[in-house]
Amino acid sequence: MFQQSNNFNISEKILKQNQLEALKSLSLLLVREINSLDERQTTLEKEIESEKSICLLKELQRFEANMIRCALIRSMGKQTKAAKLLGLNTTTLHAKIRRYKIDLTDF
């Protein structure tokens, strides 16, 4: 009985450690993403102030890449689940990940 309880406690500790590591990774990724968005907002504000043209296609692509990253975060890197969240076919998601050079090791 003691052995089972001890094994359960060890398994529970390992699970909690893994969850903590996943949360740390996720928080670092979110901080990076927020910083990237802040930088992009500053750039856009400067472009608007200088009346420099804004390329709609580039902005849509940037938005799409960020949506893919968010779906990968929510799915904890599971591409099939991320594709479902986005309403995409899995092969379409793979193509977009390659196109936008999204590093899957971040998730």
N, C-alpha and C. Protein backbone atom coordinates (compact mmCIF):
# COMPACT_ATOMS: atom_id res chain seq x y z
N MET A 1 0.83 -1.19 0.00
CA MET A 1 0.00 0.00 0.00
C MET A 1 0.87 1.26 0.00
N PHE A 2 1.91 1.25 0.86
CA PHE A 2 2.81 2.39 0.94
C PHE A 2 3.52 2.62 -0.40
N GLN A 3 3.92 1.52 -1.06
CA GLN A 3 4.62 1.62 -2.35
C GLN A 3 3.73 2.29 -3.39
N GLN A 4 2.44 1.91 -3.45
CA GLN A 4 1.52 2.52 -4.41
C GLN A 4 1.37 4.01 -4.13
N SER A 5 1.23 4.36 -2.88
CA SER A 5 1.08 5.76 -2.48
C SER A 5 2.33 6.55 -2.84
N ASN A 6 3.48 5.96 -2.59
CA ASN A 6 4.75 6.62 -2.90
C ASN A 6 4.90 6.82 -4.41
N ASN A 7 4.56 5.80 -5.21
CA ASN A 7 4.62 5.91 -6.67
C ASN A 7 3.67 6.99 -7.17
N PHE A 8 2.49 7.06 -6.56
CA PHE A 8 1.51 8.07 -6.95
C PHE A 8 2.05 9.46 -6.67
N ASN A 9 2.67 9.64 -5.50
CA ASN A 9 3.23 10.95 -5.15
C ASN A 9 4.34 11.36 -6.10
N ILE A 10 5.19 10.40 -6.48
CA ILE A 10 6.27 10.68 -7.42
C ILE A 10 5.70 11.06 -8.78
N SER A 11 4.71 10.30 -9.24
CA SER A 11 4.07 10.59 -10.53
C SER A 11 3.41 11.96 -10.50
N GLU A 12 2.77 12.27 -9.39
CA GLU A 12 2.10 13.56 -9.26
C GLU A 12 3.12 14.70 -9.29
N LYS A 13 4.26 14.52 -8.63
CA LYS A 13 5.31 15.54 -8.63
C LYS A 13 5.87 15.74 -10.03
N ILE A 14 6.10 14.64 -10.74
CA ILE A 14 6.62 14.74 -12.11
C ILE A 14 5.62 15.46 -13.00
N LEU A 15 4.35 15.13 -12.86
CA LEU A 15 3.31 15.79 -13.65
C LEU A 15 3.28 17.29 -13.35
N LYS A 16 3.35 17.65 -12.09
CA LYS A 16 3.34 19.07 -11.72
C LYS A 16 4.58 19.78 -12.25
N GLN A 17 5.74 19.12 -12.23
CA GLN A 17 6.96 19.72 -12.77
C GLN A 17 6.82 19.95 -14.27
N ASN A 18 6.26 18.96 -14.97
CA ASN A 18 6.05 19.09 -16.42
C ASN A 18 5.08 20.22 -16.73
N GLN A 19 4.03 20.32 -15.94
CA GLN A 19 3.06 21.39 -16.14
C GLN A 19 3.70 22.75 -15.89
N LEU A 20 4.53 22.84 -14.87
CA LEU A 20 5.21 24.09 -14.55
C LEU A 20 6.16 24.49 -15.68
N GLU A 21 6.90 23.53 -16.22
CA GLU A 21 7.80 23.81 -17.34
C GLU A 21 7.02 24.27 -18.57
N ALA A 22 5.88 23.63 -18.83
CA ALA A 22 5.05 24.02 -19.96
C ALA A 22 4.52 25.44 -19.77
N LEU A 23 4.11 25.77 -18.56
CA LEU A 23 3.62 27.12 -18.27
C LEU A 23 4.73 28.16 -18.41
N LYS A 24 5.94 27.82 -17.98
CA LYS A 24 7.07 28.73 -18.13
C LYS A 24 7.34 29.00 -19.61
N SER A 25 7.35 27.93 -20.41
CA SER A 25 7.59 28.08 -21.85
C SER A 25 6.50 28.92 -22.49
N LEU A 26 5.27 28.66 -22.11
CA LEU A 26 4.14 29.41 -22.65
C LEU A 26 4.24 30.88 -22.28
N SER A 27 4.59 31.16 -21.03
CA SER A 27 4.68 32.56 -20.60
C SER A 27 5.79 33.29 -21.35
N LEU A 28 6.93 32.62 -21.56
CA LEU A 28 8.01 33.24 -22.32
C LEU A 28 7.59 33.52 -23.76
N LEU A 29 6.87 32.57 -24.35
CA LEU A 29 6.39 32.75 -25.71
C LEU A 29 5.40 33.91 -25.79
N LEU A 30 4.51 34.00 -24.81
CA LEU A 30 3.54 35.09 -24.80
C LEU A 30 4.22 36.44 -24.62
N VAL A 31 5.22 36.51 -23.77
CA VAL A 31 5.96 37.77 -23.59
C VAL A 31 6.63 38.18 -24.89
N ARG A 32 7.25 37.22 -25.58
CA ARG A 32 7.87 37.52 -26.87
C ARG A 32 6.85 38.02 -27.87
N GLU A 33 5.70 37.36 -27.89
CA GLU A 33 4.64 37.74 -28.84
C GLU A 33 4.12 39.14 -28.52
N ILE A 34 3.93 39.44 -27.25
CA ILE A 34 3.46 40.77 -26.85
C ILE A 34 4.48 41.83 -27.25
N ASN A 35 5.75 41.56 -27.01
CA ASN A 35 6.80 42.51 -27.40
C ASN A 35 6.81 42.73 -28.90
N SER A 36 6.62 41.65 -29.65
CA SER A 36 6.58 41.75 -31.11
C SER A 36 5.40 42.60 -31.56
N LEU A 37 4.25 42.39 -30.92
CA LEU A 37 3.06 43.17 -31.27
C LEU A 37 3.25 44.64 -30.91
N ASP A 38 3.86 44.91 -29.77
CA ASP A 38 4.14 46.29 -29.37
C ASP A 38 5.05 46.98 -30.39
N GLU A 39 6.08 46.26 -30.82
CA GLU A 39 7.00 46.82 -31.81
C GLU A 39 6.27 47.09 -33.13
N ARG A 40 5.42 46.15 -33.52
CA ARG A 40 4.68 46.31 -34.78
C ARG A 40 3.72 47.48 -34.69
N GLN A 41 3.06 47.64 -33.55
CA GLN A 41 2.14 48.76 -33.38
C GLN A 41 2.88 50.08 -33.49
N THR A 42 4.05 50.16 -32.87
CA THR A 42 4.86 51.37 -32.94
C THR A 42 5.24 51.67 -34.39
N THR A 43 5.64 50.63 -35.12
CA THR A 43 6.00 50.80 -36.52
C THR A 43 4.82 51.29 -37.34
N LEU A 44 3.65 50.68 -37.11
CA LEU A 44 2.45 51.10 -37.84
C LEU A 44 2.08 52.54 -37.52
N GLU A 45 2.18 52.91 -36.26
CA GLU A 45 1.87 54.29 -35.87
C GLU A 45 2.81 55.27 -36.57
N LYS A 46 4.08 54.92 -36.66
CA LYS A 46 5.05 55.78 -37.35
C LYS A 46 4.73 55.87 -38.84
N GLU A 47 4.33 54.75 -39.45
CA GLU A 47 3.98 54.75 -40.86
C GLU A 47 2.75 55.62 -41.11
N ILE A 48 1.78 55.53 -40.22
CA ILE A 48 0.57 56.34 -40.37
C ILE A 48 0.91 57.82 -40.22
N GLU A 49 1.73 58.15 -39.21
CA GLU A 49 2.12 59.54 -38.99
C GLU A 49 2.89 60.11 -40.18
N SER A 50 3.72 59.30 -40.79
CA SER A 50 4.52 59.78 -41.92
C SER A 50 3.78 59.63 -43.25
N GLU A 51 2.54 59.17 -43.17
CA GLU A 51 1.71 58.95 -44.35
C GLU A 51 2.32 57.95 -45.32
N LYS A 52 3.18 57.11 -44.80
CA LYS A 52 3.76 56.04 -45.61
C LYS A 52 2.67 55.01 -45.86
N SER A 53 2.66 54.44 -47.04
CA SER A 53 1.60 53.48 -47.36
C SER A 53 1.75 52.20 -46.54
N ILE A 54 0.63 51.62 -46.21
CA ILE A 54 0.59 50.36 -45.47
C ILE A 54 0.13 49.29 -46.45
N CYS A 55 0.89 48.23 -46.55
CA CYS A 55 0.56 47.15 -47.47
C CYS A 55 -0.45 46.21 -46.80
N LEU A 56 -1.67 46.20 -47.31
CA LEU A 56 -2.73 45.39 -46.72
C LEU A 56 -2.36 43.91 -46.73
N LEU A 57 -1.79 43.42 -47.83
CA LEU A 57 -1.43 42.01 -47.92
C LEU A 57 -0.43 41.63 -46.84
N LYS A 58 0.59 42.44 -46.64
CA LYS A 58 1.59 42.14 -45.61
C LYS A 58 0.96 42.14 -44.22
N GLU A 59 0.07 43.08 -43.97
CA GLU A 59 -0.58 43.14 -42.66
C GLU A 59 -1.49 41.93 -42.44
N LEU A 60 -2.19 41.51 -43.48
CA LEU A 60 -3.04 40.32 -43.38
C LEU A 60 -2.20 39.07 -43.14
N GLN A 61 -1.07 38.97 -43.81
CA GLN A 61 -0.18 37.83 -43.61
C GLN A 61 0.39 37.82 -42.19
N ARG A 62 0.74 38.99 -41.70
CA ARG A 62 1.26 39.09 -40.33
C ARG A 62 0.17 38.67 -39.33
N PHE A 63 -1.06 39.12 -39.58
CA PHE A 63 -2.19 38.76 -38.72
C PHE A 63 -2.43 37.25 -38.76
N GLU A 64 -2.40 36.68 -39.97
CA GLU A 64 -2.61 35.24 -40.11
C GLU A 64 -1.53 34.44 -39.38
N ALA A 65 -0.28 34.86 -39.51
CA ALA A 65 0.81 34.17 -38.82
C ALA A 65 0.62 34.24 -37.31
N ASN A 66 0.19 35.39 -36.80
CA ASN A 66 -0.06 35.52 -35.36
C ASN A 66 -1.22 34.64 -34.91
N MET A 67 -2.25 34.53 -35.74
CA MET A 67 -3.39 33.65 -35.41
C MET A 67 -2.93 32.19 -35.34
N ILE A 68 -2.07 31.80 -36.25
CA ILE A 68 -1.53 30.43 -36.24
C ILE A 68 -0.72 30.20 -34.97
N ARG A 69 0.11 31.17 -34.61
CA ARG A 69 0.89 31.04 -33.37
C ARG A 69 -0.03 30.91 -32.15
N CYS A 70 -1.07 31.72 -32.10
CA CYS A 70 -2.03 31.65 -30.98
C CYS A 70 -2.71 30.28 -30.92
N ALA A 71 -3.10 29.75 -32.08
CA ALA A 71 -3.74 28.43 -32.11
C ALA A 71 -2.76 27.35 -31.66
N LEU A 72 -1.50 27.48 -32.05
CA LEU A 72 -0.49 26.51 -31.61
C LEU A 72 -0.26 26.61 -30.10
N ILE A 73 -0.32 27.81 -29.57
CA ILE A 73 -0.20 27.97 -28.12
C ILE A 73 -1.38 27.30 -27.43
N ARG A 74 -2.59 27.58 -27.91
CA ARG A 74 -3.79 27.01 -27.29
C ARG A 74 -3.82 25.49 -27.39
N SER A 75 -3.25 24.96 -28.47
CA SER A 75 -3.27 23.50 -28.67
C SER A 75 -2.01 22.84 -28.12
N MET A 76 -1.16 23.63 -27.46
CA MET A 76 0.10 23.13 -26.90
C MET A 76 0.96 22.46 -27.97
N GLY A 77 0.96 23.05 -29.16
CA GLY A 77 1.81 22.58 -30.25
C GLY A 77 1.22 21.47 -31.10
N LYS A 78 0.02 21.02 -30.76
CA LYS A 78 -0.61 19.94 -31.54
C LYS A 78 -1.23 20.56 -32.81
N GLN A 79 -0.61 20.25 -33.94
CA GLN A 79 -1.00 20.89 -35.19
C GLN A 79 -2.40 20.50 -35.65
N THR A 80 -2.80 19.27 -35.42
CA THR A 80 -4.14 18.84 -35.82
C THR A 80 -5.19 19.64 -35.06
N LYS A 81 -4.98 19.80 -33.76
CA LYS A 81 -5.92 20.57 -32.95
C LYS A 81 -5.89 22.05 -33.35
N ALA A 82 -4.70 22.58 -33.62
CA ALA A 82 -4.58 23.98 -34.04
C ALA A 82 -5.33 24.21 -35.35
N ALA A 83 -5.21 23.25 -36.27
CA ALA A 83 -5.93 23.37 -37.55
C ALA A 83 -7.43 23.41 -37.32
N LYS A 84 -7.93 22.57 -36.41
CA LYS A 84 -9.36 22.58 -36.10
C LYS A 84 -9.78 23.90 -35.50
N LEU A 85 -8.97 24.45 -34.60
CA LEU A 85 -9.29 25.74 -33.99
C LEU A 85 -9.41 26.84 -35.04
N LEU A 86 -8.58 26.75 -36.07
CA LEU A 86 -8.55 27.76 -37.12
C LEU A 86 -9.53 27.47 -38.25
N GLY A 87 -10.13 26.28 -38.23
CA GLY A 87 -11.04 25.90 -39.31
C GLY A 87 -10.30 25.60 -40.60
N LEU A 88 -9.09 25.08 -40.46
CA LEU A 88 -8.26 24.76 -41.62
C LEU A 88 -8.04 23.27 -41.75
N ASN A 89 -7.73 22.84 -42.96
CA ASN A 89 -7.27 21.49 -43.19
C ASN A 89 -5.84 21.41 -42.64
N THR A 90 -5.47 20.26 -42.11
CA THR A 90 -4.14 20.11 -41.51
C THR A 90 -3.03 20.40 -42.53
N THR A 91 -3.20 19.94 -43.76
CA THR A 91 -2.16 20.19 -44.78
C THR A 91 -2.06 21.69 -45.10
N THR A 92 -3.17 22.39 -45.05
CA THR A 92 -3.15 23.84 -45.27
C THR A 92 -2.38 24.52 -44.15
N LEU A 93 -2.63 24.09 -42.92
CA LEU A 93 -1.89 24.66 -41.78
C LEU A 93 -0.40 24.40 -41.93
N HIS A 94 -0.01 23.18 -42.31
CA HIS A 94 1.41 22.86 -42.50
C HIS A 94 2.04 23.79 -43.54
N ALA A 95 1.32 24.03 -44.63
CA ALA A 95 1.84 24.90 -45.69
C ALA A 95 2.02 26.33 -45.17
N LYS A 96 1.07 26.80 -44.39
CA LYS A 96 1.16 28.16 -43.84
C LYS A 96 2.29 28.26 -42.82
N ILE A 97 2.48 27.23 -42.03
CA ILE A 97 3.58 27.22 -41.06
C ILE A 97 4.92 27.33 -41.80
N ARG A 98 5.06 26.60 -42.90
CA ARG A 98 6.28 26.68 -43.70
C ARG A 98 6.42 28.07 -44.34
N ARG A 99 5.31 28.57 -44.90
CA ARG A 99 5.34 29.87 -45.59
C ARG A 99 5.78 30.99 -44.65
N TYR A 100 5.23 30.97 -43.43
CA TYR A 100 5.54 32.03 -42.47
C TYR A 100 6.75 31.71 -41.60
N LYS A 101 7.38 30.56 -41.87
CA LYS A 101 8.59 30.14 -41.15
C LYS A 101 8.38 30.18 -39.63
N ILE A 102 7.28 29.56 -39.20
CA ILE A 102 6.95 29.50 -37.78
C ILE A 102 7.74 28.35 -37.17
N ASP A 103 8.49 28.65 -36.13
CA ASP A 103 9.33 27.66 -35.46
C ASP A 103 8.48 26.85 -34.49
N LEU A 104 8.26 25.59 -34.81
CA LEU A 104 7.40 24.74 -33.99
C LEU A 104 8.03 24.35 -32.66
N THR A 105 9.32 24.55 -32.52
CA THR A 105 9.96 24.21 -31.24
C THR A 105 9.56 25.20 -30.15
N ASP A 106 8.96 26.32 -30.53
CA ASP A 106 8.49 27.30 -29.55
C ASP A 106 7.23 26.84 -28.82
N PHE A 107 6.59 25.83 -29.36
CA PHE A 107 5.31 25.41 -28.81
C PHE A 107 5.44 24.06 -28.17
